[in-house]
Amino acid sequence: MEPREDIGHQLAEDHENIEALLNHLEALPPMDGQRRNFVGQVAVELVRHLVAEERYLHPVLRDRVPDGAKLADSALRRHARIEDVLRELEDVTFGSVEFEDTIRRAVGEARAHTEEDRTVLLPRLLEHVTPRELADLDAEVRRVRLAVPTARHDPTGEARDPSEGSGDDGDDKGGGDTGAPSAFGPGAVGRTRALTEHHCERA
């Protein structure tokens, strides 16, 4: 369970959504035609989440928590490992032993990240910031979620393409091409990071 359910709701929702995506990815058979595109959807969700944390959560950690700089630096190293593994997936052959091994490593790193957030970063933040401050942080993360297309896990078990409207987040900002990769391939991780950072700058 996430700490203090009355605050940090968006961060908790991100973690739950990532876990649902990882579970669905693991459930797809290795040679299922949906599997490679679903990897792309997981990558979009993960990278958007990581950039939002780096933009909004880490500065507060560094500024307000006594050992926050050390915690933020450790988190950044894990973020880099996650993105490195996702970039490896961009180039490996679908269905190969290397592809499946790299997926397992990506899933492991992603789960270690959400566990660290739940058990270390958020509890440390709660010791040093007010509920109002964390609610403001949550609002910033939500703005990024609304602005940047993400992979949303349908309750029926189907993964929705991140380029589709959410149905509950309102109209897409700006219309037209969202910039989210509809299929996974070379450069997808970098494009998602650049798109998310762009929306953070505009927020």
N, C-alpha and C. Protein backbone atom coordinates (compact mmCIF):
# COMPACT_ATOMS: atom_id res chain seq x y z
N MET A 1 0.84 -1.19 0.00
CA MET A 1 0.00 0.00 0.00
C MET A 1 0.88 1.25 0.00
N GLU A 2 0.44 2.25 -0.76
CA GLU A 2 1.18 3.51 -0.79
C GLU A 2 1.03 4.23 0.55
N PRO A 3 2.04 4.98 1.00
CA PRO A 3 1.93 5.74 2.23
C PRO A 3 0.92 6.86 2.09
N ARG A 4 0.12 7.07 3.17
CA ARG A 4 -0.79 8.20 3.24
C ARG A 4 -1.67 8.30 2.00
N GLU A 5 -2.74 7.52 1.93
CA GLU A 5 -3.57 7.44 0.75
C GLU A 5 -4.27 8.75 0.43
N ASP A 6 -4.34 9.68 1.38
CA ASP A 6 -5.04 10.93 1.12
C ASP A 6 -4.20 11.89 0.30
N ILE A 7 -2.91 11.65 0.18
CA ILE A 7 -2.04 12.50 -0.61
C ILE A 7 -1.15 11.62 -1.48
N GLY A 8 -0.50 12.24 -2.46
CA GLY A 8 0.34 11.47 -3.36
C GLY A 8 -0.46 10.53 -4.24
N HIS A 9 -1.74 10.88 -4.49
CA HIS A 9 -2.61 9.98 -5.24
C HIS A 9 -2.09 9.71 -6.64
N GLN A 10 -1.64 10.76 -7.34
CA GLN A 10 -1.21 10.56 -8.72
C GLN A 10 0.04 9.69 -8.81
N LEU A 11 0.97 9.89 -7.87
CA LEU A 11 2.16 9.04 -7.84
C LEU A 11 1.77 7.59 -7.59
N ALA A 12 0.83 7.38 -6.66
CA ALA A 12 0.37 6.02 -6.37
C ALA A 12 -0.31 5.41 -7.60
N GLU A 13 -1.12 6.23 -8.29
CA GLU A 13 -1.82 5.73 -9.48
C GLU A 13 -0.82 5.36 -10.57
N ASP A 14 0.23 6.16 -10.72
CA ASP A 14 1.29 5.83 -11.68
C ASP A 14 1.88 4.45 -11.38
N HIS A 15 2.20 4.22 -10.10
CA HIS A 15 2.80 2.95 -9.72
C HIS A 15 1.86 1.78 -10.00
N GLU A 16 0.58 1.96 -9.70
CA GLU A 16 -0.39 0.91 -9.94
C GLU A 16 -0.54 0.63 -11.43
N ASN A 17 -0.55 1.69 -12.24
CA ASN A 17 -0.69 1.52 -13.68
C ASN A 17 0.53 0.81 -14.26
N ILE A 18 1.72 1.20 -13.80
CA ILE A 18 2.94 0.54 -14.28
C ILE A 18 2.92 -0.93 -13.92
N GLU A 19 2.52 -1.26 -12.71
CA GLU A 19 2.48 -2.67 -12.29
C GLU A 19 1.48 -3.45 -13.14
N ALA A 20 0.31 -2.85 -13.44
CA ALA A 20 -0.68 -3.53 -14.28
C ALA A 20 -0.12 -3.79 -15.68
N LEU A 21 0.60 -2.80 -16.22
CA LEU A 21 1.20 -2.97 -17.54
C LEU A 21 2.26 -4.07 -17.54
N LEU A 22 3.09 -4.09 -16.50
CA LEU A 22 4.13 -5.12 -16.41
C LEU A 22 3.50 -6.51 -16.30
N ASN A 23 2.44 -6.62 -15.51
CA ASN A 23 1.77 -7.92 -15.36
C ASN A 23 1.20 -8.40 -16.70
N HIS A 24 0.59 -7.45 -17.45
CA HIS A 24 0.00 -7.82 -18.74
C HIS A 24 1.09 -8.21 -19.73
N LEU A 25 2.20 -7.48 -19.72
CA LEU A 25 3.32 -7.80 -20.60
C LEU A 25 3.83 -9.21 -20.33
N GLU A 26 3.99 -9.55 -19.06
CA GLU A 26 4.48 -10.89 -18.70
C GLU A 26 3.49 -11.97 -19.10
N ALA A 27 2.18 -11.63 -19.12
CA ALA A 27 1.16 -12.63 -19.44
C ALA A 27 1.06 -12.93 -20.93
N LEU A 28 1.54 -12.02 -21.78
CA LEU A 28 1.48 -12.25 -23.22
C LEU A 28 2.47 -13.33 -23.62
N PRO A 29 2.05 -14.29 -24.44
CA PRO A 29 2.99 -15.34 -24.90
C PRO A 29 4.15 -14.73 -25.67
N PRO A 30 5.33 -15.33 -25.60
CA PRO A 30 6.53 -14.75 -26.23
C PRO A 30 6.37 -14.38 -27.70
N MET A 31 5.66 -15.18 -28.48
CA MET A 31 5.53 -14.89 -29.91
C MET A 31 4.22 -14.21 -30.27
N ASP A 32 3.47 -13.74 -29.27
CA ASP A 32 2.22 -13.03 -29.54
C ASP A 32 2.52 -11.76 -30.33
N GLY A 33 1.74 -11.51 -31.37
CA GLY A 33 1.97 -10.35 -32.22
C GLY A 33 1.84 -9.02 -31.51
N GLN A 34 1.08 -8.98 -30.40
CA GLN A 34 0.90 -7.73 -29.65
C GLN A 34 2.12 -7.38 -28.80
N ARG A 35 2.98 -8.35 -28.58
CA ARG A 35 3.98 -8.21 -27.51
C ARG A 35 4.96 -7.06 -27.77
N ARG A 36 5.47 -6.93 -29.00
CA ARG A 36 6.45 -5.89 -29.25
C ARG A 36 5.83 -4.50 -29.13
N ASN A 37 4.63 -4.30 -29.71
CA ASN A 37 3.98 -3.00 -29.58
C ASN A 37 3.64 -2.70 -28.12
N PHE A 38 3.28 -3.75 -27.36
CA PHE A 38 2.97 -3.51 -25.95
C PHE A 38 4.20 -3.09 -25.18
N VAL A 39 5.37 -3.61 -25.57
CA VAL A 39 6.62 -3.14 -24.97
C VAL A 39 6.75 -1.63 -25.16
N GLY A 40 6.38 -1.15 -26.35
CA GLY A 40 6.44 0.29 -26.61
C GLY A 40 5.51 1.07 -25.71
N GLN A 41 4.34 0.55 -25.44
CA GLN A 41 3.40 1.22 -24.56
C GLN A 41 3.93 1.28 -23.12
N VAL A 42 4.53 0.18 -22.68
CA VAL A 42 5.14 0.17 -21.35
C VAL A 42 6.26 1.20 -21.28
N ALA A 43 7.06 1.28 -22.34
CA ALA A 43 8.18 2.23 -22.36
C ALA A 43 7.68 3.66 -22.28
N VAL A 44 6.62 4.00 -23.00
CA VAL A 44 6.04 5.35 -22.95
C VAL A 44 5.63 5.68 -21.52
N GLU A 45 4.92 4.77 -20.88
CA GLU A 45 4.45 5.01 -19.51
C GLU A 45 5.62 5.18 -18.54
N LEU A 46 6.60 4.30 -18.65
CA LEU A 46 7.74 4.37 -17.74
C LEU A 46 8.54 5.65 -17.90
N VAL A 47 8.87 6.00 -19.14
CA VAL A 47 9.71 7.17 -19.37
C VAL A 47 8.98 8.44 -18.96
N ARG A 48 7.69 8.55 -19.27
CA ARG A 48 6.93 9.72 -18.82
C ARG A 48 6.97 9.86 -17.31
N HIS A 49 6.79 8.74 -16.62
CA HIS A 49 6.80 8.73 -15.16
C HIS A 49 8.17 9.15 -14.62
N LEU A 50 9.23 8.61 -15.21
CA LEU A 50 10.58 8.93 -14.74
C LEU A 50 10.90 10.41 -14.93
N VAL A 51 10.55 10.95 -16.09
CA VAL A 51 10.84 12.36 -16.35
C VAL A 51 10.05 13.25 -15.38
N ALA A 52 8.80 12.93 -15.12
CA ALA A 52 8.01 13.71 -14.18
C ALA A 52 8.63 13.70 -12.79
N GLU A 53 9.11 12.55 -12.36
CA GLU A 53 9.77 12.46 -11.05
C GLU A 53 11.03 13.34 -11.02
N GLU A 54 11.83 13.24 -12.09
CA GLU A 54 13.08 14.01 -12.14
C GLU A 54 12.79 15.51 -12.12
N ARG A 55 11.72 15.90 -12.78
CA ARG A 55 11.39 17.32 -12.90
C ARG A 55 10.80 17.88 -11.60
N TYR A 56 9.95 17.12 -10.93
CA TYR A 56 9.19 17.66 -9.81
C TYR A 56 9.54 17.05 -8.45
N LEU A 57 9.72 15.74 -8.41
CA LEU A 57 9.96 15.08 -7.13
C LEU A 57 11.39 15.27 -6.64
N HIS A 58 12.37 15.08 -7.53
CA HIS A 58 13.77 15.12 -7.11
C HIS A 58 14.22 16.49 -6.58
N PRO A 59 13.80 17.61 -7.19
CA PRO A 59 14.21 18.89 -6.61
C PRO A 59 13.71 19.09 -5.18
N VAL A 60 12.50 18.60 -4.88
CA VAL A 60 11.97 18.71 -3.52
C VAL A 60 12.76 17.81 -2.58
N LEU A 61 13.10 16.62 -3.04
CA LEU A 61 13.94 15.73 -2.23
C LEU A 61 15.26 16.41 -1.87
N ARG A 62 15.91 16.98 -2.86
CA ARG A 62 17.22 17.61 -2.64
C ARG A 62 17.11 18.82 -1.72
N ASP A 63 16.01 19.55 -1.82
CA ASP A 63 15.87 20.80 -1.07
C ASP A 63 15.38 20.60 0.36
N ARG A 64 14.52 19.59 0.58
CA ARG A 64 13.82 19.50 1.86
C ARG A 64 14.23 18.31 2.73
N VAL A 65 14.75 17.26 2.13
CA VAL A 65 15.06 16.04 2.88
C VAL A 65 16.57 16.00 3.18
N PRO A 66 16.97 15.79 4.44
CA PRO A 66 18.39 15.85 4.80
C PRO A 66 19.30 14.97 3.93
N ASP A 67 18.88 13.76 3.65
CA ASP A 67 19.69 12.90 2.77
C ASP A 67 19.09 12.82 1.38
N GLY A 68 18.35 13.87 1.02
CA GLY A 68 17.61 13.86 -0.24
C GLY A 68 18.49 13.82 -1.48
N ALA A 69 19.64 14.51 -1.44
CA ALA A 69 20.52 14.51 -2.61
C ALA A 69 21.01 13.09 -2.90
N LYS A 70 21.36 12.37 -1.85
CA LYS A 70 21.81 10.99 -2.02
C LYS A 70 20.69 10.11 -2.57
N LEU A 71 19.47 10.30 -2.06
CA LEU A 71 18.33 9.53 -2.54
C LEU A 71 18.03 9.84 -4.00
N ALA A 72 18.07 11.13 -4.36
CA ALA A 72 17.78 11.53 -5.73
C ALA A 72 18.84 11.00 -6.69
N ASP A 73 20.10 11.06 -6.27
CA ASP A 73 21.18 10.54 -7.13
C ASP A 73 21.02 9.04 -7.36
N SER A 74 20.66 8.31 -6.30
CA SER A 74 20.44 6.87 -6.43
C SER A 74 19.28 6.59 -7.38
N ALA A 75 18.20 7.37 -7.24
CA ALA A 75 17.04 7.20 -8.12
C ALA A 75 17.40 7.49 -9.57
N LEU A 76 18.19 8.52 -9.80
CA LEU A 76 18.61 8.86 -11.16
C LEU A 76 19.41 7.72 -11.80
N ARG A 77 20.25 7.08 -11.00
CA ARG A 77 21.01 5.95 -11.54
C ARG A 77 20.09 4.82 -11.96
N ARG A 78 19.05 4.57 -11.15
CA ARG A 78 18.10 3.52 -11.53
C ARG A 78 17.32 3.94 -12.77
N HIS A 79 16.92 5.21 -12.85
CA HIS A 79 16.22 5.69 -14.05
C HIS A 79 17.06 5.42 -15.29
N ALA A 80 18.36 5.73 -15.19
CA ALA A 80 19.26 5.53 -16.32
C ALA A 80 19.33 4.05 -16.70
N ARG A 81 19.36 3.16 -15.69
CA ARG A 81 19.41 1.73 -15.99
C ARG A 81 18.14 1.28 -16.71
N ILE A 82 16.99 1.78 -16.25
CA ILE A 82 15.72 1.42 -16.90
C ILE A 82 15.73 1.85 -18.37
N GLU A 83 16.14 3.09 -18.62
CA GLU A 83 16.13 3.58 -19.99
C GLU A 83 17.18 2.87 -20.85
N ASP A 84 18.30 2.52 -20.26
CA ASP A 84 19.32 1.77 -21.01
C ASP A 84 18.77 0.42 -21.47
N VAL A 85 18.06 -0.27 -20.58
CA VAL A 85 17.50 -1.57 -20.94
C VAL A 85 16.41 -1.40 -22.00
N LEU A 86 15.57 -0.37 -21.86
CA LEU A 86 14.53 -0.12 -22.86
C LEU A 86 15.15 0.18 -24.23
N ARG A 87 16.26 0.91 -24.24
CA ARG A 87 16.93 1.19 -25.52
C ARG A 87 17.51 -0.09 -26.13
N GLU A 88 17.97 -1.00 -25.29
CA GLU A 88 18.42 -2.29 -25.82
C GLU A 88 17.28 -3.00 -26.54
N LEU A 89 16.07 -2.89 -25.98
CA LEU A 89 14.91 -3.56 -26.58
C LEU A 89 14.56 -2.97 -27.94
N GLU A 90 14.92 -1.71 -28.17
CA GLU A 90 14.61 -1.09 -29.45
C GLU A 90 15.26 -1.84 -30.62
N ASP A 91 16.41 -2.47 -30.37
CA ASP A 91 17.21 -3.03 -31.46
C ASP A 91 17.27 -4.55 -31.53
N VAL A 92 16.85 -5.23 -30.46
CA VAL A 92 16.97 -6.69 -30.48
C VAL A 92 15.84 -7.31 -31.29
N THR A 93 16.06 -8.52 -31.78
CA THR A 93 15.11 -9.22 -32.63
C THR A 93 13.93 -9.73 -31.81
N PHE A 94 12.73 -9.36 -32.25
CA PHE A 94 11.52 -9.82 -31.57
C PHE A 94 11.47 -11.34 -31.53
N GLY A 95 11.15 -11.89 -30.35
CA GLY A 95 11.00 -13.32 -30.19
C GLY A 95 12.29 -14.07 -29.90
N SER A 96 13.41 -13.35 -29.97
CA SER A 96 14.69 -14.00 -29.71
C SER A 96 14.90 -14.21 -28.22
N VAL A 97 15.86 -15.07 -27.89
CA VAL A 97 16.21 -15.27 -26.48
C VAL A 97 16.68 -13.97 -25.86
N GLU A 98 17.43 -13.18 -26.62
CA GLU A 98 17.93 -11.89 -26.12
C GLU A 98 16.77 -10.94 -25.84
N PHE A 99 15.76 -10.94 -26.71
CA PHE A 99 14.59 -10.07 -26.51
C PHE A 99 13.89 -10.42 -25.20
N GLU A 100 13.66 -11.71 -24.97
CA GLU A 100 12.96 -12.12 -23.75
C GLU A 100 13.79 -11.85 -22.51
N ASP A 101 15.10 -12.07 -22.60
CA ASP A 101 15.98 -11.78 -21.47
C ASP A 101 15.98 -10.28 -21.15
N THR A 102 15.98 -9.46 -22.18
CA THR A 102 16.00 -8.01 -21.97
C THR A 102 14.68 -7.53 -21.39
N ILE A 103 13.57 -8.12 -21.80
CA ILE A 103 12.27 -7.80 -21.20
C ILE A 103 12.29 -8.12 -19.71
N ARG A 104 12.83 -9.29 -19.36
CA ARG A 104 12.88 -9.66 -17.93
C ARG A 104 13.70 -8.65 -17.14
N ARG A 105 14.81 -8.21 -17.70
CA ARG A 105 15.63 -7.21 -17.00
C ARG A 105 14.89 -5.88 -16.87
N ALA A 106 14.18 -5.48 -17.93
CA ALA A 106 13.42 -4.22 -17.89
C ALA A 106 12.32 -4.28 -16.83
N VAL A 107 11.61 -5.40 -16.77
CA VAL A 107 10.55 -5.57 -15.78
C VAL A 107 11.13 -5.53 -14.38
N GLY A 108 12.26 -6.20 -14.17
CA GLY A 108 12.89 -6.20 -12.86
C GLY A 108 13.31 -4.82 -12.41
N GLU A 109 13.92 -4.06 -13.32
CA GLU A 109 14.34 -2.70 -12.97
C GLU A 109 13.14 -1.81 -12.69
N ALA A 110 12.07 -1.96 -13.47
CA ALA A 110 10.88 -1.13 -13.27
C ALA A 110 10.23 -1.43 -11.92
N ARG A 111 10.16 -2.70 -11.57
CA ARG A 111 9.56 -3.06 -10.28
C ARG A 111 10.43 -2.59 -9.11
N ALA A 112 11.74 -2.67 -9.27
CA ALA A 112 12.62 -2.17 -8.22
C ALA A 112 12.44 -0.66 -8.04
N HIS A 113 12.21 0.04 -9.14
CA HIS A 113 11.98 1.49 -9.07
C HIS A 113 10.71 1.81 -8.29
N THR A 114 9.58 1.17 -8.65
CA THR A 114 8.33 1.49 -7.96
C THR A 114 8.39 1.10 -6.49
N GLU A 115 9.10 0.01 -6.19
CA GLU A 115 9.25 -0.40 -4.79
C GLU A 115 10.07 0.63 -4.01
N GLU A 116 11.13 1.14 -4.62
CA GLU A 116 11.95 2.16 -3.97
C GLU A 116 11.13 3.44 -3.72
N ASP A 117 10.32 3.81 -4.69
CA ASP A 117 9.45 4.98 -4.51
C ASP A 117 8.51 4.78 -3.32
N ARG A 118 7.87 3.60 -3.28
CA ARG A 118 6.86 3.34 -2.25
C ARG A 118 7.46 3.25 -0.86
N THR A 119 8.63 2.61 -0.76
CA THR A 119 9.16 2.28 0.57
C THR A 119 10.22 3.25 1.07
N VAL A 120 10.80 4.04 0.16
CA VAL A 120 11.88 4.94 0.56
C VAL A 120 11.56 6.40 0.24
N LEU A 121 11.39 6.72 -1.03
CA LEU A 121 11.29 8.13 -1.42
C LEU A 121 10.05 8.82 -0.88
N LEU A 122 8.87 8.23 -1.09
CA LEU A 122 7.66 8.88 -0.60
C LEU A 122 7.61 8.96 0.93
N PRO A 123 7.96 7.90 1.66
CA PRO A 123 7.99 8.04 3.12
C PRO A 123 8.95 9.12 3.60
N ARG A 124 10.12 9.25 2.97
CA ARG A 124 11.06 10.30 3.37
C ARG A 124 10.50 11.68 3.07
N LEU A 125 9.82 11.82 1.92
CA LEU A 125 9.18 13.10 1.60
C LEU A 125 8.14 13.46 2.66
N LEU A 126 7.33 12.48 3.05
CA LEU A 126 6.26 12.73 4.00
C LEU A 126 6.77 13.18 5.37
N GLU A 127 8.03 12.87 5.66
CA GLU A 127 8.61 13.31 6.93
C GLU A 127 8.97 14.80 6.91
N HIS A 128 9.09 15.38 5.70
CA HIS A 128 9.67 16.72 5.61
C HIS A 128 8.86 17.73 4.80
N VAL A 129 7.76 17.31 4.20
CA VAL A 129 6.92 18.26 3.49
C VAL A 129 5.50 18.18 4.04
N THR A 130 4.75 19.24 3.85
CA THR A 130 3.37 19.28 4.33
C THR A 130 2.46 18.56 3.33
N PRO A 131 1.27 18.14 3.78
CA PRO A 131 0.31 17.55 2.85
C PRO A 131 0.01 18.47 1.67
N ARG A 132 -0.07 19.78 1.94
CA ARG A 132 -0.35 20.72 0.86
C ARG A 132 0.78 20.73 -0.18
N GLU A 133 2.01 20.69 0.28
CA GLU A 133 3.15 20.69 -0.64
C GLU A 133 3.16 19.42 -1.50
N LEU A 134 2.85 18.27 -0.88
CA LEU A 134 2.83 17.05 -1.65
C LEU A 134 1.65 17.04 -2.63
N ALA A 135 0.53 17.64 -2.22
CA ALA A 135 -0.61 17.75 -3.12
C ALA A 135 -0.25 18.61 -4.34
N ASP A 136 0.51 19.69 -4.12
CA ASP A 136 0.97 20.52 -5.25
C ASP A 136 1.89 19.73 -6.17
N LEU A 137 2.77 18.93 -5.58
CA LEU A 137 3.65 18.07 -6.37
C LEU A 137 2.83 17.08 -7.19
N ASP A 138 1.83 16.50 -6.55
CA ASP A 138 0.94 15.56 -7.23
C ASP A 138 0.26 16.22 -8.43
N ALA A 139 -0.15 17.49 -8.26
CA ALA A 139 -0.82 18.21 -9.34
C ALA A 139 0.11 18.40 -10.53
N GLU A 140 1.38 18.66 -10.26
CA GLU A 140 2.35 18.81 -11.34
C GLU A 140 2.50 17.50 -12.11
N VAL A 141 2.59 16.38 -11.39
CA VAL A 141 2.71 15.08 -12.03
C VAL A 141 1.47 14.79 -12.87
N ARG A 142 0.31 15.16 -12.35
CA ARG A 142 -0.94 14.93 -13.10
C ARG A 142 -0.96 15.76 -14.38
N ARG A 143 -0.47 16.99 -14.33
CA ARG A 143 -0.45 17.82 -15.54
C ARG A 143 0.38 17.16 -16.63
N VAL A 144 1.51 16.56 -16.24
CA VAL A 144 2.33 15.87 -17.23
C VAL A 144 1.57 14.67 -17.78
N ARG A 145 0.88 13.95 -16.93
CA ARG A 145 0.12 12.77 -17.36
C ARG A 145 -0.95 13.16 -18.37
N LEU A 146 -1.61 14.28 -18.14
CA LEU A 146 -2.66 14.71 -19.05
C LEU A 146 -2.09 15.19 -20.38
N ALA A 147 -0.91 15.81 -20.33
CA ALA A 147 -0.33 16.41 -21.53
C ALA A 147 0.36 15.39 -22.42
N VAL A 148 0.98 14.37 -21.81
CA VAL A 148 1.79 13.41 -22.57
C VAL A 148 1.02 12.12 -22.72
N PRO A 149 0.80 11.65 -23.95
CA PRO A 149 0.07 10.38 -24.14
C PRO A 149 0.78 9.25 -23.43
N THR A 150 0.00 8.42 -22.74
CA THR A 150 0.58 7.30 -22.00
C THR A 150 -0.16 6.02 -22.34
N ALA A 151 0.44 4.90 -21.96
CA ALA A 151 -0.21 3.60 -22.14
C ALA A 151 -1.16 3.38 -20.98
N ARG A 152 -2.45 3.31 -21.25
CA ARG A 152 -3.44 3.10 -20.19
C ARG A 152 -3.96 1.68 -20.26
N HIS A 153 -4.03 1.04 -19.11
CA HIS A 153 -4.40 -0.38 -19.07
C HIS A 153 -5.90 -0.49 -18.93
N ASP A 154 -6.53 -1.06 -19.95
CA ASP A 154 -7.97 -1.23 -19.96
C ASP A 154 -8.38 -2.32 -18.98
N PRO A 155 -9.48 -2.12 -18.22
CA PRO A 155 -9.90 -3.14 -17.25
C PRO A 155 -10.20 -4.48 -17.90
N THR A 156 -10.49 -4.51 -19.21
CA THR A 156 -10.79 -5.78 -19.88
C THR A 156 -9.53 -6.59 -20.11
N GLY A 157 -8.34 -5.96 -19.88
CA GLY A 157 -7.09 -6.66 -20.10
C GLY A 157 -6.41 -6.25 -21.39
N GLU A 158 -7.08 -5.40 -22.18
CA GLU A 158 -6.48 -4.94 -23.42
C GLU A 158 -5.69 -3.68 -23.17
N ALA A 159 -4.54 -3.56 -23.82
CA ALA A 159 -3.72 -2.35 -23.72
C ALA A 159 -4.15 -1.38 -24.79
N ARG A 160 -4.37 -0.11 -24.42
CA ARG A 160 -4.78 0.90 -25.38
C ARG A 160 -3.56 1.60 -25.94
N ASP A 161 -3.61 1.88 -27.24
CA ASP A 161 -2.51 2.59 -27.89
C ASP A 161 -2.37 3.96 -27.26
N PRO A 162 -1.14 4.41 -26.93
CA PRO A 162 -0.97 5.70 -26.28
C PRO A 162 -1.37 6.87 -27.16
N SER A 163 -1.53 6.66 -28.46
CA SER A 163 -1.95 7.75 -29.33
C SER A 163 -3.46 7.94 -29.32
N GLU A 164 -4.19 7.02 -28.68
CA GLU A 164 -5.64 7.17 -28.59
C GLU A 164 -6.00 8.08 -27.43
N GLY A 165 -7.18 8.72 -27.55
CA GLY A 165 -7.66 9.53 -26.43
C GLY A 165 -7.97 8.64 -25.25
N SER A 166 -7.90 9.21 -24.04
CA SER A 166 -8.08 8.41 -22.84
C SER A 166 -9.54 8.17 -22.52
N GLY A 167 -10.40 9.10 -22.96
CA GLY A 167 -11.80 8.96 -22.62
C GLY A 167 -12.14 9.56 -21.28
N ASP A 168 -11.11 9.85 -20.41
CA ASP A 168 -11.41 10.46 -19.12
C ASP A 168 -10.49 11.60 -18.79
N ASP A 169 -9.52 11.86 -19.64
CA ASP A 169 -8.57 12.93 -19.38
C ASP A 169 -8.87 14.19 -20.16
N GLY A 170 -9.97 14.20 -20.90
CA GLY A 170 -10.26 15.38 -21.69
C GLY A 170 -9.62 15.26 -23.06
N ASP A 171 -9.80 16.30 -23.87
CA ASP A 171 -9.25 16.28 -25.21
C ASP A 171 -7.75 16.35 -25.18
N ASP A 172 -7.10 15.76 -26.20
CA ASP A 172 -5.66 15.87 -26.31
C ASP A 172 -5.26 17.30 -26.53
N LYS A 173 -4.18 17.71 -25.84
CA LYS A 173 -3.72 19.07 -25.98
C LYS A 173 -3.08 19.27 -27.35
N GLY A 174 -3.55 20.26 -28.08
CA GLY A 174 -2.89 20.65 -29.31
C GLY A 174 -3.39 19.89 -30.53
N GLY A 175 -4.00 18.70 -30.34
CA GLY A 175 -4.52 17.96 -31.47
C GLY A 175 -3.41 17.44 -32.36
N GLY A 176 -3.82 16.71 -33.42
CA GLY A 176 -2.85 16.25 -34.40
C GLY A 176 -1.96 15.17 -33.84
N ASP A 177 -0.74 15.11 -34.38
CA ASP A 177 0.22 14.08 -34.00
C ASP A 177 0.66 14.28 -32.56
N THR A 178 0.50 13.26 -31.73
CA THR A 178 0.86 13.37 -30.32
C THR A 178 2.34 13.22 -30.10
N GLY A 179 3.03 12.60 -31.03
CA GLY A 179 4.46 12.36 -30.84
C GLY A 179 4.75 11.06 -30.12
N ALA A 180 3.73 10.36 -29.62
CA ALA A 180 3.97 9.10 -28.92
C ALA A 180 4.20 7.99 -29.93
N PRO A 181 5.19 7.14 -29.71
CA PRO A 181 5.44 6.05 -30.65
C PRO A 181 4.33 5.03 -30.61
N SER A 182 3.70 4.76 -31.77
CA SER A 182 2.63 3.76 -31.82
C SER A 182 3.19 2.36 -31.94
N ALA A 183 4.44 2.24 -32.39
CA ALA A 183 5.14 0.97 -32.45
C ALA A 183 6.53 1.17 -31.89
N PHE A 184 7.08 0.10 -31.32
CA PHE A 184 8.37 0.24 -30.65
C PHE A 184 9.49 -0.03 -31.63
N GLY A 185 10.52 0.83 -31.62
CA GLY A 185 11.65 0.66 -32.51
C GLY A 185 12.73 1.65 -32.15
N PRO A 186 13.79 1.71 -32.96
CA PRO A 186 14.92 2.60 -32.67
C PRO A 186 14.48 4.05 -32.44
N GLY A 187 14.95 4.63 -31.36
CA GLY A 187 14.68 6.03 -31.06
C GLY A 187 13.41 6.29 -30.26
N ALA A 188 12.59 5.25 -29.99
CA ALA A 188 11.31 5.47 -29.32
C ALA A 188 11.49 6.03 -27.91
N VAL A 189 12.45 5.50 -27.16
CA VAL A 189 12.67 5.95 -25.78
C VAL A 189 13.12 7.42 -25.77
N GLY A 190 14.06 7.75 -26.64
CA GLY A 190 14.54 9.13 -26.71
C GLY A 190 13.45 10.09 -27.11
N ARG A 191 12.59 9.70 -28.06
CA ARG A 191 11.49 10.58 -28.48
C ARG A 191 10.51 10.81 -27.34
N THR A 192 10.21 9.75 -26.59
CA THR A 192 9.28 9.90 -25.47
C THR A 192 9.85 10.82 -24.40
N ARG A 193 11.13 10.66 -24.08
CA ARG A 193 11.76 11.55 -23.10
C ARG A 193 11.73 13.00 -23.58
N ALA A 194 12.07 13.23 -24.83
CA ALA A 194 12.08 14.59 -25.37
C ALA A 194 10.69 15.21 -25.35
N LEU A 195 9.67 14.42 -25.70
CA LEU A 195 8.30 14.91 -25.69
C LEU A 195 7.86 15.28 -24.28
N THR A 196 8.18 14.41 -23.32
CA THR A 196 7.79 14.68 -21.92
C THR A 196 8.50 15.91 -21.39
N GLU A 197 9.80 16.03 -21.64
CA GLU A 197 10.54 17.20 -21.18
C GLU A 197 10.00 18.48 -21.80
N HIS A 198 9.58 18.39 -23.07
CA HIS A 198 9.00 19.54 -23.74
C HIS A 198 7.72 20.00 -23.03
N HIS A 199 6.86 19.04 -22.69
CA HIS A 199 5.61 19.40 -22.00
C HIS A 199 5.90 19.93 -20.59
N CYS A 200 6.91 19.41 -19.93
CA CYS A 200 7.28 19.93 -18.61
C CYS A 200 7.73 21.39 -18.73
N GLU A 201 8.49 21.70 -19.75
CA GLU A 201 8.95 23.07 -19.95
C GLU A 201 7.78 24.01 -20.20
N ARG A 202 6.76 23.53 -20.88
CA ARG A 202 5.59 24.37 -21.21
C ARG A 202 4.63 24.51 -20.05
N ALA A 203 4.70 23.60 -19.09
CA ALA A 203 3.73 23.60 -17.97
C ALA A 203 3.85 24.84 -17.11
